[in-house]
């Protein structure tokens, strides 16, 4: 669940802010 939430939150933040978490 932590992994799923982390992926989901990172994708959400990437849509809002010009930052990349692609590798992570």
PDBML (XML) file of the C-alpha atoms, coordinates in Angstrom:
<?xml version="1.0" encoding="UTF-8" ?>
<PDBx:datablock datablockName="MODEL"
   xmlns:PDBx="http://pdbml.pdb.org/schema/pdbx-v50.xsd"
   xmlns:xsi="http://www.w3.org/2001/XMLSchema-instance"
   xsi:schemaLocation="http://pdbml.pdb.org/schema/pdbx-v50.xsd pdbx-v50.xsd">
   <PDBx:atom_siteCategory>
      <PDBx:atom_site id="1">
         <PDBx:B_iso_or_equiv>0.00</PDBx:B_iso_or_equiv>
         <PDBx:Cartn_x>0.000</PDBx:Cartn_x>
         <PDBx:Cartn_y>0.000</PDBx:Cartn_y>
         <PDBx:Cartn_z>0.000</PDBx:Cartn_z>
         <PDBx:auth_asym_id>A</PDBx:auth_asym_id>
         <PDBx:auth_atom_id>CA</PDBx:auth_atom_id>
         <PDBx:auth_comp_id>UNK</PDBx:auth_comp_id>
         <PDBx:auth_seq_id>1</PDBx:auth_seq_id>
         <PDBx:group_PDB>ATOM</PDBx:group_PDB>
         <PDBx:label_alt_id xsi:nil="true" />
         <PDBx:label_asym_id>A</PDBx:label_asym_id>
         <PDBx:label_atom_id>CA</PDBx:label_atom_id>
         <PDBx:label_comp_id>UNK</PDBx:label_comp_id>
         <PDBx:label_entity_id>1</PDBx:label_entity_id>
         <PDBx:label_seq_id>1</PDBx:label_seq_id>
         <PDBx:occupancy>1.00</PDBx:occupancy>
         <PDBx:pdbx_PDB_model_num>1</PDBx:pdbx_PDB_model_num>
         <PDBx:type_symbol>C</PDBx:type_symbol>
      </PDBx:atom_site>
      <PDBx:atom_site id="2">
         <PDBx:B_iso_or_equiv>0.00</PDBx:B_iso_or_equiv>
         <PDBx:Cartn_x>2.877</PDBx:Cartn_x>
         <PDBx:Cartn_y>2.366</PDBx:Cartn_y>
         <PDBx:Cartn_z>0.776</PDBx:Cartn_z>
         <PDBx:auth_asym_id>A</PDBx:auth_asym_id>
         <PDBx:auth_atom_id>CA</PDBx:auth_atom_id>
         <PDBx:auth_comp_id>UNK</PDBx:auth_comp_id>
         <PDBx:auth_seq_id>2</PDBx:auth_seq_id>
         <PDBx:group_PDB>ATOM</PDBx:group_PDB>
         <PDBx:label_alt_id xsi:nil="true" />
         <PDBx:label_asym_id>A</PDBx:label_asym_id>
         <PDBx:label_atom_id>CA</PDBx:label_atom_id>
         <PDBx:label_comp_id>UNK</PDBx:label_comp_id>
         <PDBx:label_entity_id>1</PDBx:label_entity_id>
         <PDBx:label_seq_id>2</PDBx:label_seq_id>
         <PDBx:occupancy>1.00</PDBx:occupancy>
         <PDBx:pdbx_PDB_model_num>1</PDBx:pdbx_PDB_model_num>
         <PDBx:type_symbol>C</PDBx:type_symbol>
      </PDBx:atom_site>
      <PDBx:atom_site id="3">
         <PDBx:B_iso_or_equiv>0.00</PDBx:B_iso_or_equiv>
         <PDBx:Cartn_x>4.403</PDBx:Cartn_x>
         <PDBx:Cartn_y>1.719</PDBx:Cartn_y>
         <PDBx:Cartn_z>-2.658</PDBx:Cartn_z>
         <PDBx:auth_asym_id>A</PDBx:auth_asym_id>
         <PDBx:auth_atom_id>CA</PDBx:auth_atom_id>
         <PDBx:auth_comp_id>UNK</PDBx:auth_comp_id>
         <PDBx:auth_seq_id>3</PDBx:auth_seq_id>
         <PDBx:group_PDB>ATOM</PDBx:group_PDB>
         <PDBx:label_alt_id xsi:nil="true" />
         <PDBx:label_asym_id>A</PDBx:label_asym_id>
         <PDBx:label_atom_id>CA</PDBx:label_atom_id>
         <PDBx:label_comp_id>UNK</PDBx:label_comp_id>
         <PDBx:label_entity_id>1</PDBx:label_entity_id>
         <PDBx:label_seq_id>3</PDBx:label_seq_id>
         <PDBx:occupancy>1.00</PDBx:occupancy>
         <PDBx:pdbx_PDB_model_num>1</PDBx:pdbx_PDB_model_num>
         <PDBx:type_symbol>C</PDBx:type_symbol>
      </PDBx:atom_site>
      <PDBx:atom_site id="4">
         <PDBx:B_iso_or_equiv>0.00</PDBx:B_iso_or_equiv>
         <PDBx:Cartn_x>1.073</PDBx:Cartn_x>
         <PDBx:Cartn_y>2.310</PDBx:Cartn_y>
         <PDBx:Cartn_z>-4.416</PDBx:Cartn_z>
         <PDBx:auth_asym_id>A</PDBx:auth_asym_id>
         <PDBx:auth_atom_id>CA</PDBx:auth_atom_id>
         <PDBx:auth_comp_id>UNK</PDBx:auth_comp_id>
         <PDBx:auth_seq_id>4</PDBx:auth_seq_id>
         <PDBx:group_PDB>ATOM</PDBx:group_PDB>
         <PDBx:label_alt_id xsi:nil="true" />
         <PDBx:label_asym_id>A</PDBx:label_asym_id>
         <PDBx:label_atom_id>CA</PDBx:label_atom_id>
         <PDBx:label_comp_id>UNK</PDBx:label_comp_id>
         <PDBx:label_entity_id>1</PDBx:label_entity_id>
         <PDBx:label_seq_id>4</PDBx:label_seq_id>
         <PDBx:occupancy>1.00</PDBx:occupancy>
         <PDBx:pdbx_PDB_model_num>1</PDBx:pdbx_PDB_model_num>
         <PDBx:type_symbol>C</PDBx:type_symbol>
      </PDBx:atom_site>
      <PDBx:atom_site id="5">
         <PDBx:B_iso_or_equiv>0.00</PDBx:B_iso_or_equiv>
         <PDBx:Cartn_x>0.396</PDBx:Cartn_x>
         <PDBx:Cartn_y>5.509</PDBx:Cartn_y>
         <PDBx:Cartn_z>-2.471</PDBx:Cartn_z>
         <PDBx:auth_asym_id>A</PDBx:auth_asym_id>
         <PDBx:auth_atom_id>CA</PDBx:auth_atom_id>
         <PDBx:auth_comp_id>UNK</PDBx:auth_comp_id>
         <PDBx:auth_seq_id>5</PDBx:auth_seq_id>
         <PDBx:group_PDB>ATOM</PDBx:group_PDB>
         <PDBx:label_alt_id xsi:nil="true" />
         <PDBx:label_asym_id>A</PDBx:label_asym_id>
         <PDBx:label_atom_id>CA</PDBx:label_atom_id>
         <PDBx:label_comp_id>UNK</PDBx:label_comp_id>
         <PDBx:label_entity_id>1</PDBx:label_entity_id>
         <PDBx:label_seq_id>5</PDBx:label_seq_id>
         <PDBx:occupancy>1.00</PDBx:occupancy>
         <PDBx:pdbx_PDB_model_num>1</PDBx:pdbx_PDB_model_num>
         <PDBx:type_symbol>C</PDBx:type_symbol>
      </PDBx:atom_site>
      <PDBx:atom_site id="6">
         <PDBx:B_iso_or_equiv>0.00</PDBx:B_iso_or_equiv>
         <PDBx:Cartn_x>3.882</PDBx:Cartn_x>
         <PDBx:Cartn_y>6.837</PDBx:Cartn_y>
         <PDBx:Cartn_z>-3.054</PDBx:Cartn_z>
         <PDBx:auth_asym_id>A</PDBx:auth_asym_id>
         <PDBx:auth_atom_id>CA</PDBx:auth_atom_id>
         <PDBx:auth_comp_id>UNK</PDBx:auth_comp_id>
         <PDBx:auth_seq_id>6</PDBx:auth_seq_id>
         <PDBx:group_PDB>ATOM</PDBx:group_PDB>
         <PDBx:label_alt_id xsi:nil="true" />
         <PDBx:label_asym_id>A</PDBx:label_asym_id>
         <PDBx:label_atom_id>CA</PDBx:label_atom_id>
         <PDBx:label_comp_id>UNK</PDBx:label_comp_id>
         <PDBx:label_entity_id>1</PDBx:label_entity_id>
         <PDBx:label_seq_id>6</PDBx:label_seq_id>
         <PDBx:occupancy>1.00</PDBx:occupancy>
         <PDBx:pdbx_PDB_model_num>1</PDBx:pdbx_PDB_model_num>
         <PDBx:type_symbol>C</PDBx:type_symbol>
      </PDBx:atom_site>
      <PDBx:atom_site id="7">
         <PDBx:B_iso_or_equiv>0.00</PDBx:B_iso_or_equiv>
         <PDBx:Cartn_x>3.619</PDBx:Cartn_x>
         <PDBx:Cartn_y>6.257</PDBx:Cartn_y>
         <PDBx:Cartn_z>-6.809</PDBx:Cartn_z>
         <PDBx:auth_asym_id>A</PDBx:auth_asym_id>
         <PDBx:auth_atom_id>CA</PDBx:auth_atom_id>
         <PDBx:auth_comp_id>UNK</PDBx:auth_comp_id>
         <PDBx:auth_seq_id>7</PDBx:auth_seq_id>
         <PDBx:group_PDB>ATOM</PDBx:group_PDB>
         <PDBx:label_alt_id xsi:nil="true" />
         <PDBx:label_asym_id>A</PDBx:label_asym_id>
         <PDBx:label_atom_id>CA</PDBx:label_atom_id>
         <PDBx:label_comp_id>UNK</PDBx:label_comp_id>
         <PDBx:label_entity_id>1</PDBx:label_entity_id>
         <PDBx:label_seq_id>7</PDBx:label_seq_id>
         <PDBx:occupancy>1.00</PDBx:occupancy>
         <PDBx:pdbx_PDB_model_num>1</PDBx:pdbx_PDB_model_num>
         <PDBx:type_symbol>C</PDBx:type_symbol>
      </PDBx:atom_site>
      <PDBx:atom_site id="8">
         <PDBx:B_iso_or_equiv>0.00</PDBx:B_iso_or_equiv>
         <PDBx:Cartn_x>0.170</PDBx:Cartn_x>
         <PDBx:Cartn_y>7.854</PDBx:Cartn_y>
         <PDBx:Cartn_z>-6.938</PDBx:Cartn_z>
         <PDBx:auth_asym_id>A</PDBx:auth_asym_id>
         <PDBx:auth_atom_id>CA</PDBx:auth_atom_id>
         <PDBx:auth_comp_id>UNK</PDBx:auth_comp_id>
         <PDBx:auth_seq_id>8</PDBx:auth_seq_id>
         <PDBx:group_PDB>ATOM</PDBx:group_PDB>
         <PDBx:label_alt_id xsi:nil="true" />
         <PDBx:label_asym_id>A</PDBx:label_asym_id>
         <PDBx:label_atom_id>CA</PDBx:label_atom_id>
         <PDBx:label_comp_id>UNK</PDBx:label_comp_id>
         <PDBx:label_entity_id>1</PDBx:label_entity_id>
         <PDBx:label_seq_id>8</PDBx:label_seq_id>
         <PDBx:occupancy>1.00</PDBx:occupancy>
         <PDBx:pdbx_PDB_model_num>1</PDBx:pdbx_PDB_model_num>
         <PDBx:type_symbol>C</PDBx:type_symbol>
      </PDBx:atom_site>
      <PDBx:atom_site id="9">
         <PDBx:B_iso_or_equiv>0.00</PDBx:B_iso_or_equiv>
         <PDBx:Cartn_x>1.238</PDBx:Cartn_x>
         <PDBx:Cartn_y>10.903</PDBx:Cartn_y>
         <PDBx:Cartn_z>-4.890</PDBx:Cartn_z>
         <PDBx:auth_asym_id>A</PDBx:auth_asym_id>
         <PDBx:auth_atom_id>CA</PDBx:auth_atom_id>
         <PDBx:auth_comp_id>UNK</PDBx:auth_comp_id>
         <PDBx:auth_seq_id>9</PDBx:auth_seq_id>
         <PDBx:group_PDB>ATOM</PDBx:group_PDB>
         <PDBx:label_alt_id xsi:nil="true" />
         <PDBx:label_asym_id>A</PDBx:label_asym_id>
         <PDBx:label_atom_id>CA</PDBx:label_atom_id>
         <PDBx:label_comp_id>UNK</PDBx:label_comp_id>
         <PDBx:label_entity_id>1</PDBx:label_entity_id>
         <PDBx:label_seq_id>9</PDBx:label_seq_id>
         <PDBx:occupancy>1.00</PDBx:occupancy>
         <PDBx:pdbx_PDB_model_num>1</PDBx:pdbx_PDB_model_num>
         <PDBx:type_symbol>C</PDBx:type_symbol>
      </PDBx:atom_site>
      <PDBx:atom_site id="10">
         <PDBx:B_iso_or_equiv>0.00</PDBx:B_iso_or_equiv>
         <PDBx:Cartn_x>4.388</PDBx:Cartn_x>
         <PDBx:Cartn_y>11.415</PDBx:Cartn_y>
         <PDBx:Cartn_z>-6.954</PDBx:Cartn_z>
         <PDBx:auth_asym_id>A</PDBx:auth_asym_id>
         <PDBx:auth_atom_id>CA</PDBx:auth_atom_id>
         <PDBx:auth_comp_id>UNK</PDBx:auth_comp_id>
         <PDBx:auth_seq_id>10</PDBx:auth_seq_id>
         <PDBx:group_PDB>ATOM</PDBx:group_PDB>
         <PDBx:label_alt_id xsi:nil="true" />
         <PDBx:label_asym_id>A</PDBx:label_asym_id>
         <PDBx:label_atom_id>CA</PDBx:label_atom_id>
         <PDBx:label_comp_id>UNK</PDBx:label_comp_id>
         <PDBx:label_entity_id>1</PDBx:label_entity_id>
         <PDBx:label_seq_id>10</PDBx:label_seq_id>
         <PDBx:occupancy>1.00</PDBx:occupancy>
         <PDBx:pdbx_PDB_model_num>1</PDBx:pdbx_PDB_model_num>
         <PDBx:type_symbol>C</PDBx:type_symbol>
      </PDBx:atom_site>
      <PDBx:atom_site id="11">
         <PDBx:B_iso_or_equiv>0.00</PDBx:B_iso_or_equiv>
         <PDBx:Cartn_x>2.418</PDBx:Cartn_x>
         <PDBx:Cartn_y>11.343</PDBx:Cartn_y>
         <PDBx:Cartn_z>-10.202</PDBx:Cartn_z>
         <PDBx:auth_asym_id>A</PDBx:auth_asym_id>
         <PDBx:auth_atom_id>CA</PDBx:auth_atom_id>
         <PDBx:auth_comp_id>UNK</PDBx:auth_comp_id>
         <PDBx:auth_seq_id>11</PDBx:auth_seq_id>
         <PDBx:group_PDB>ATOM</PDBx:group_PDB>
         <PDBx:label_alt_id xsi:nil="true" />
         <PDBx:label_asym_id>A</PDBx:label_asym_id>
         <PDBx:label_atom_id>CA</PDBx:label_atom_id>
         <PDBx:label_comp_id>UNK</PDBx:label_comp_id>
         <PDBx:label_entity_id>1</PDBx:label_entity_id>
         <PDBx:label_seq_id>11</PDBx:label_seq_id>
         <PDBx:occupancy>1.00</PDBx:occupancy>
         <PDBx:pdbx_PDB_model_num>1</PDBx:pdbx_PDB_model_num>
         <PDBx:type_symbol>C</PDBx:type_symbol>
      </PDBx:atom_site>
      <PDBx:atom_site id="12">
         <PDBx:B_iso_or_equiv>0.00</PDBx:B_iso_or_equiv>
         <PDBx:Cartn_x>-0.078</PDBx:Cartn_x>
         <PDBx:Cartn_y>13.831</PDBx:Cartn_y>
         <PDBx:Cartn_z>-8.767</PDBx:Cartn_z>
         <PDBx:auth_asym_id>A</PDBx:auth_asym_id>
         <PDBx:auth_atom_id>CA</PDBx:auth_atom_id>
         <PDBx:auth_comp_id>UNK</PDBx:auth_comp_id>
         <PDBx:auth_seq_id>12</PDBx:auth_seq_id>
         <PDBx:group_PDB>ATOM</PDBx:group_PDB>
         <PDBx:label_alt_id xsi:nil="true" />
         <PDBx:label_asym_id>A</PDBx:label_asym_id>
         <PDBx:label_atom_id>CA</PDBx:label_atom_id>
         <PDBx:label_comp_id>UNK</PDBx:label_comp_id>
         <PDBx:label_entity_id>1</PDBx:label_entity_id>
         <PDBx:label_seq_id>12</PDBx:label_seq_id>
         <PDBx:occupancy>1.00</PDBx:occupancy>
         <PDBx:pdbx_PDB_model_num>1</PDBx:pdbx_PDB_model_num>
         <PDBx:type_symbol>C</PDBx:type_symbol>
      </PDBx:atom_site>
      <PDBx:atom_site id="13">
         <PDBx:B_iso_or_equiv>0.00</PDBx:B_iso_or_equiv>
         <PDBx:Cartn_x>2.668</PDBx:Cartn_x>
         <PDBx:Cartn_y>16.249</PDBx:Cartn_y>
         <PDBx:Cartn_z>-7.694</PDBx:Cartn_z>
         <PDBx:auth_asym_id>A</PDBx:auth_asym_id>
         <PDBx:auth_atom_id>CA</PDBx:auth_atom_id>
         <PDBx:auth_comp_id>UNK</PDBx:auth_comp_id>
         <PDBx:auth_seq_id>13</PDBx:auth_seq_id>
         <PDBx:group_PDB>ATOM</PDBx:group_PDB>
         <PDBx:label_alt_id xsi:nil="true" />
         <PDBx:label_asym_id>A</PDBx:label_asym_id>
         <PDBx:label_atom_id>CA</PDBx:label_atom_id>
         <PDBx:label_comp_id>UNK</PDBx:label_comp_id>
         <PDBx:label_entity_id>1</PDBx:label_entity_id>
         <PDBx:label_seq_id>13</PDBx:label_seq_id>
         <PDBx:occupancy>1.00</PDBx:occupancy>
         <PDBx:pdbx_PDB_model_num>1</PDBx:pdbx_PDB_model_num>
         <PDBx:type_symbol>C</PDBx:type_symbol>
      </PDBx:atom_site>
      <PDBx:atom_site id="14">
         <PDBx:B_iso_or_equiv>0.00</PDBx:B_iso_or_equiv>
         <PDBx:Cartn_x>4.358</PDBx:Cartn_x>
         <PDBx:Cartn_y>15.940</PDBx:Cartn_y>
         <PDBx:Cartn_z>-11.103</PDBx:Cartn_z>
         <PDBx:auth_asym_id>A</PDBx:auth_asym_id>
         <PDBx:auth_atom_id>CA</PDBx:auth_atom_id>
         <PDBx:auth_comp_id>UNK</PDBx:auth_comp_id>
         <PDBx:auth_seq_id>14</PDBx:auth_seq_id>
         <PDBx:group_PDB>ATOM</PDBx:group_PDB>
         <PDBx:label_alt_id xsi:nil="true" />
         <PDBx:label_asym_id>A</PDBx:label_asym_id>
         <PDBx:label_atom_id>CA</PDBx:label_atom_id>
         <PDBx:label_comp_id>UNK</PDBx:label_comp_id>
         <PDBx:label_entity_id>1</PDBx:label_entity_id>
         <PDBx:label_seq_id>14</PDBx:label_seq_id>
         <PDBx:occupancy>1.00</PDBx:occupancy>
         <PDBx:pdbx_PDB_model_num>1</PDBx:pdbx_PDB_model_num>
         <PDBx:type_symbol>C</PDBx:type_symbol>
      </PDBx:atom_site>
      <PDBx:atom_site id="15">
         <PDBx:B_iso_or_equiv>0.00</PDBx:B_iso_or_equiv>
         <PDBx:Cartn_x>1.116</PDBx:Cartn_x>
         <PDBx:Cartn_y>17.168</PDBx:Cartn_y>
         <PDBx:Cartn_z>-12.721</PDBx:Cartn_z>
         <PDBx:auth_asym_id>A</PDBx:auth_asym_id>
         <PDBx:auth_atom_id>CA</PDBx:auth_atom_id>
         <PDBx:auth_comp_id>UNK</PDBx:auth_comp_id>
         <PDBx:auth_seq_id>15</PDBx:auth_seq_id>
         <PDBx:group_PDB>ATOM</PDBx:group_PDB>
         <PDBx:label_alt_id xsi:nil="true" />
         <PDBx:label_asym_id>A</PDBx:label_asym_id>
         <PDBx:label_atom_id>CA</PDBx:label_atom_id>
         <PDBx:label_comp_id>UNK</PDBx:label_comp_id>
         <PDBx:label_entity_id>1</PDBx:label_entity_id>
         <PDBx:label_seq_id>15</PDBx:label_seq_id>
         <PDBx:occupancy>1.00</PDBx:occupancy>
         <PDBx:pdbx_PDB_model_num>1</PDBx:pdbx_PDB_model_num>
         <PDBx:type_symbol>C</PDBx:type_symbol>
      </PDBx:atom_site>
      <PDBx:atom_site id="16">
         <PDBx:B_iso_or_equiv>0.00</PDBx:B_iso_or_equiv>
         <PDBx:Cartn_x>0.992</PDBx:Cartn_x>
         <PDBx:Cartn_y>20.182</PDBx:Cartn_y>
         <PDBx:Cartn_z>-10.398</PDBx:Cartn_z>
         <PDBx:auth_asym_id>A</PDBx:auth_asym_id>
         <PDBx:auth_atom_id>CA</PDBx:auth_atom_id>
         <PDBx:auth_comp_id>UNK</PDBx:auth_comp_id>
         <PDBx:auth_seq_id>16</PDBx:auth_seq_id>
         <PDBx:group_PDB>ATOM</PDBx:group_PDB>
         <PDBx:label_alt_id xsi:nil="true" />
         <PDBx:label_asym_id>A</PDBx:label_asym_id>
         <PDBx:label_atom_id>CA</PDBx:label_atom_id>
         <PDBx:label_comp_id>UNK</PDBx:label_comp_id>
         <PDBx:label_entity_id>1</PDBx:label_entity_id>
         <PDBx:label_seq_id>16</PDBx:label_seq_id>
         <PDBx:occupancy>1.00</PDBx:occupancy>
         <PDBx:pdbx_PDB_model_num>1</PDBx:pdbx_PDB_model_num>
         <PDBx:type_symbol>C</PDBx:type_symbol>
      </PDBx:atom_site>
      <PDBx:atom_site id="17">
         <PDBx:B_iso_or_equiv>0.00</PDBx:B_iso_or_equiv>
         <PDBx:Cartn_x>4.671</PDBx:Cartn_x>
         <PDBx:Cartn_y>21.140</PDBx:Cartn_y>
         <PDBx:Cartn_z>-10.217</PDBx:Cartn_z>
         <PDBx:auth_asym_id>A</PDBx:auth_asym_id>
         <PDBx:auth_atom_id>CA</PDBx:auth_atom_id>
         <PDBx:auth_comp_id>UNK</PDBx:auth_comp_id>
         <PDBx:auth_seq_id>17</PDBx:auth_seq_id>
         <PDBx:group_PDB>ATOM</PDBx:group_PDB>
         <PDBx:label_alt_id xsi:nil="true" />
         <PDBx:label_asym_id>A</PDBx:label_asym_id>
         <PDBx:label_atom_id>CA</PDBx:label_atom_id>
         <PDBx:label_comp_id>UNK</PDBx:label_comp_id>
         <PDBx:label_entity_id>1</PDBx:label_entity_id>
         <PDBx:label_seq_id>17</PDBx:label_seq_id>
         <PDBx:occupancy>1.00</PDBx:occupancy>
         <PDBx:pdbx_PDB_model_num>1</PDBx:pdbx_PDB_model_num>
         <PDBx:type_symbol>C</PDBx:type_symbol>
      </PDBx:atom_site>
      <PDBx:atom_site id="18">
         <PDBx:B_iso_or_equiv>0.00</PDBx:B_iso_or_equiv>
         <PDBx:Cartn_x>7.384</PDBx:Cartn_x>
         <PDBx:Cartn_y>21.028</PDBx:Cartn_y>
         <PDBx:Cartn_z>-12.907</PDBx:Cartn_z>
         <PDBx:auth_asym_id>A</PDBx:auth_asym_id>
         <PDBx:auth_atom_id>CA</PDBx:auth_atom_id>
         <PDBx:auth_comp_id>UNK</PDBx:auth_comp_id>
         <PDBx:auth_seq_id>18</PDBx:auth_seq_id>
         <PDBx:group_PDB>ATOM</PDBx:group_PDB>
         <PDBx:label_alt_id xsi:nil="true" />
         <PDBx:label_asym_id>A</PDBx:label_asym_id>
         <PDBx:label_atom_id>CA</PDBx:label_atom_id>
         <PDBx:label_comp_id>UNK</PDBx:label_comp_id>
         <PDBx:label_entity_id>1</PDBx:label_entity_id>
         <PDBx:label_seq_id>18</PDBx:label_seq_id>
         <PDBx:occupancy>1.00</PDBx:occupancy>
         <PDBx:pdbx_PDB_model_num>1</PDBx:pdbx_PDB_model_num>
         <PDBx:type_symbol>C</PDBx:type_symbol>
      </PDBx:atom_site>
      <PDBx:atom_site id="19">
         <PDBx:B_iso_or_equiv>0.00</PDBx:B_iso_or_equiv>
         <PDBx:Cartn_x>9.439</PDBx:Cartn_x>
         <PDBx:Cartn_y>18.349</PDBx:Cartn_y>
         <PDBx:Cartn_z>-11.164</PDBx:Cartn_z>
         <PDBx:auth_asym_id>A</PDBx:auth_asym_id>
         <PDBx:auth_atom_id>CA</PDBx:auth_atom_id>
         <PDBx:auth_comp_id>UNK</PDBx:auth_comp_id>
         <PDBx:auth_seq_id>19</PDBx:auth_seq_id>
         <PDBx:group_PDB>ATOM</PDBx:group_PDB>
         <PDBx:label_alt_id xsi:nil="true" />
         <PDBx:label_asym_id>A</PDBx:label_asym_id>
         <PDBx:label_atom_id>CA</PDBx:label_atom_id>
         <PDBx:label_comp_id>UNK</PDBx:label_comp_id>
         <PDBx:label_entity_id>1</PDBx:label_entity_id>
         <PDBx:label_seq_id>19</PDBx:label_seq_id>
         <PDBx:occupancy>1.00</PDBx:occupancy>
         <PDBx:pdbx_PDB_model_num>1</PDBx:pdbx_PDB_model_num>
         <PDBx:type_symbol>C</PDBx:type_symbol>
      </PDBx:atom_site>
      <PDBx:atom_site id="20">
         <PDBx:B_iso_or_equiv>0.00</PDBx:B_iso_or_equiv>
         <PDBx:Cartn_x>10.345</PDBx:Cartn_x>
         <PDBx:Cartn_y>14.815</PDBx:Cartn_y>
         <PDBx:Cartn_z>-12.231</PDBx:Cartn_z>
         <PDBx:auth_asym_id>A</PDBx:auth_asym_id>
         <PDBx:auth_atom_id>CA</PDBx:auth_atom_id>
         <PDBx:auth_comp_id>UNK</PDBx:auth_comp_id>
         <PDBx:auth_seq_id>20</PDBx:auth_seq_id>
         <PDBx:group_PDB>ATOM</PDBx:group_PDB>
         <PDBx:label_alt_id xsi:nil="true" />
         <PDBx:label_asym_id>A</PDBx:label_asym_id>
         <PDBx:label_atom_id>CA</PDBx:label_atom_id>
         <PDBx:label_comp_id>UNK</PDBx:label_comp_id>
         <PDBx:label_entity_id>1</PDBx:label_entity_id>
         <PDBx:label_seq_id>20</PDBx:label_seq_id>
         <PDBx:occupancy>1.00</PDBx:occupancy>
         <PDBx:pdbx_PDB_model_num>1</PDBx:pdbx_PDB_model_num>
         <PDBx:type_symbol>C</PDBx:type_symbol>
      </PDBx:atom_site>
      <PDBx:atom_site id="21">
         <PDBx:B_iso_or_equiv>0.00</PDBx:B_iso_or_equiv>
         <PDBx:Cartn_x>10.116</PDBx:Cartn_x>
         <PDBx:Cartn_y>11.699</PDBx:Cartn_y>
         <PDBx:Cartn_z>-10.103</PDBx:Cartn_z>
         <PDBx:auth_asym_id>A</PDBx:auth_asym_id>
         <PDBx:auth_atom_id>CA</PDBx:auth_atom_id>
         <PDBx:auth_comp_id>UNK</PDBx:auth_comp_id>
         <PDBx:auth_seq_id>21</PDBx:auth_seq_id>
         <PDBx:group_PDB>ATOM</PDBx:group_PDB>
         <PDBx:label_alt_id xsi:nil="true" />
         <PDBx:label_asym_id>A</PDBx:label_asym_id>
         <PDBx:label_atom_id>CA</PDBx:label_atom_id>
         <PDBx:label_comp_id>UNK</PDBx:label_comp_id>
         <PDBx:label_entity_id>1</PDBx:label_entity_id>
         <PDBx:label_seq_id>21</PDBx:label_seq_id>
         <PDBx:occupancy>1.00</PDBx:occupancy>
         <PDBx:pdbx_PDB_model_num>1</PDBx:pdbx_PDB_model_num>
         <PDBx:type_symbol>C</PDBx:type_symbol>
      </PDBx:atom_site>
      <PDBx:atom_site id="22">
         <PDBx:B_iso_or_equiv>0.00</PDBx:B_iso_or_equiv>
         <PDBx:Cartn_x>10.286</PDBx:Cartn_x>
         <PDBx:Cartn_y>9.360</PDBx:Cartn_y>
         <PDBx:Cartn_z>-13.105</PDBx:Cartn_z>
         <PDBx:auth_asym_id>A</PDBx:auth_asym_id>
         <PDBx:auth_atom_id>CA</PDBx:auth_atom_id>
         <PDBx:auth_comp_id>UNK</PDBx:auth_comp_id>
         <PDBx:auth_seq_id>22</PDBx:auth_seq_id>
         <PDBx:group_PDB>ATOM</PDBx:group_PDB>
         <PDBx:label_alt_id xsi:nil="true" />
         <PDBx:label_asym_id>A</PDBx:label_asym_id>
         <PDBx:label_atom_id>CA</PDBx:label_atom_id>
         <PDBx:label_comp_id>UNK</PDBx:label_comp_id>
         <PDBx:label_entity_id>1</PDBx:label_entity_id>
         <PDBx:label_seq_id>22</PDBx:label_seq_id>
         <PDBx:occupancy>1.00</PDBx:occupancy>
         <PDBx:pdbx_PDB_model_num>1</PDBx:pdbx_PDB_model_num>
         <PDBx:type_symbol>C</PDBx:type_symbol>
      </PDBx:atom_site>
      <PDBx:atom_site id="23">
         <PDBx:B_iso_or_equiv>0.00</PDBx:B_iso_or_equiv>
         <PDBx:Cartn_x>13.309</PDBx:Cartn_x>
         <PDBx:Cartn_y>7.380</PDBx:Cartn_y>
         <PDBx:Cartn_z>-11.889</PDBx:Cartn_z>
         <PDBx:auth_asym_id>A</PDBx:auth_asym_id>
         <PDBx:auth_atom_id>CA</PDBx:auth_atom_id>
         <PDBx:auth_comp_id>UNK</PDBx:auth_comp_id>
         <PDBx:auth_seq_id>23</PDBx:auth_seq_id>
         <PDBx:group_PDB>ATOM</PDBx:group_PDB>
         <PDBx:label_alt_id xsi:nil="true" />
         <PDBx:label_asym_id>A</PDBx:label_asym_id>
         <PDBx:label_atom_id>CA</PDBx:label_atom_id>
         <PDBx:label_comp_id>UNK</PDBx:label_comp_id>
         <PDBx:label_entity_id>1</PDBx:label_entity_id>
         <PDBx:label_seq_id>23</PDBx:label_seq_id>
         <PDBx:occupancy>1.00</PDBx:occupancy>
         <PDBx:pdbx_PDB_model_num>1</PDBx:pdbx_PDB_model_num>
         <PDBx:type_symbol>C</PDBx:type_symbol>
      </PDBx:atom_site>
      <PDBx:atom_site id="24">
         <PDBx:B_iso_or_equiv>0.00</PDBx:B_iso_or_equiv>
         <PDBx:Cartn_x>11.917</PDBx:Cartn_x>
         <PDBx:Cartn_y>6.965</PDBx:Cartn_y>
         <PDBx:Cartn_z>-8.405</PDBx:Cartn_z>
         <PDBx:auth_asym_id>A</PDBx:auth_asym_id>
         <PDBx:auth_atom_id>CA</PDBx:auth_atom_id>
         <PDBx:auth_comp_id>UNK</PDBx:auth_comp_id>
         <PDBx:auth_seq_id>24</PDBx:auth_seq_id>
         <PDBx:group_PDB>ATOM</PDBx:group_PDB>
         <PDBx:label_alt_id xsi:nil="true" />
         <PDBx:label_asym_id>A</PDBx:label_asym_id>
         <PDBx:label_atom_id>CA</PDBx:label_atom_id>
         <PDBx:label_comp_id>UNK</PDBx:label_comp_id>
         <PDBx:label_entity_id>1</PDBx:label_entity_id>
         <PDBx:label_seq_id>24</PDBx:label_seq_id>
         <PDBx:occupancy>1.00</PDBx:occupancy>
         <PDBx:pdbx_PDB_model_num>1</PDBx:pdbx_PDB_model_num>
         <PDBx:type_symbol>C</PDBx:type_symbol>
      </PDBx:atom_site>
   </PDBx:atom_siteCategory>
</PDBx:datablock>
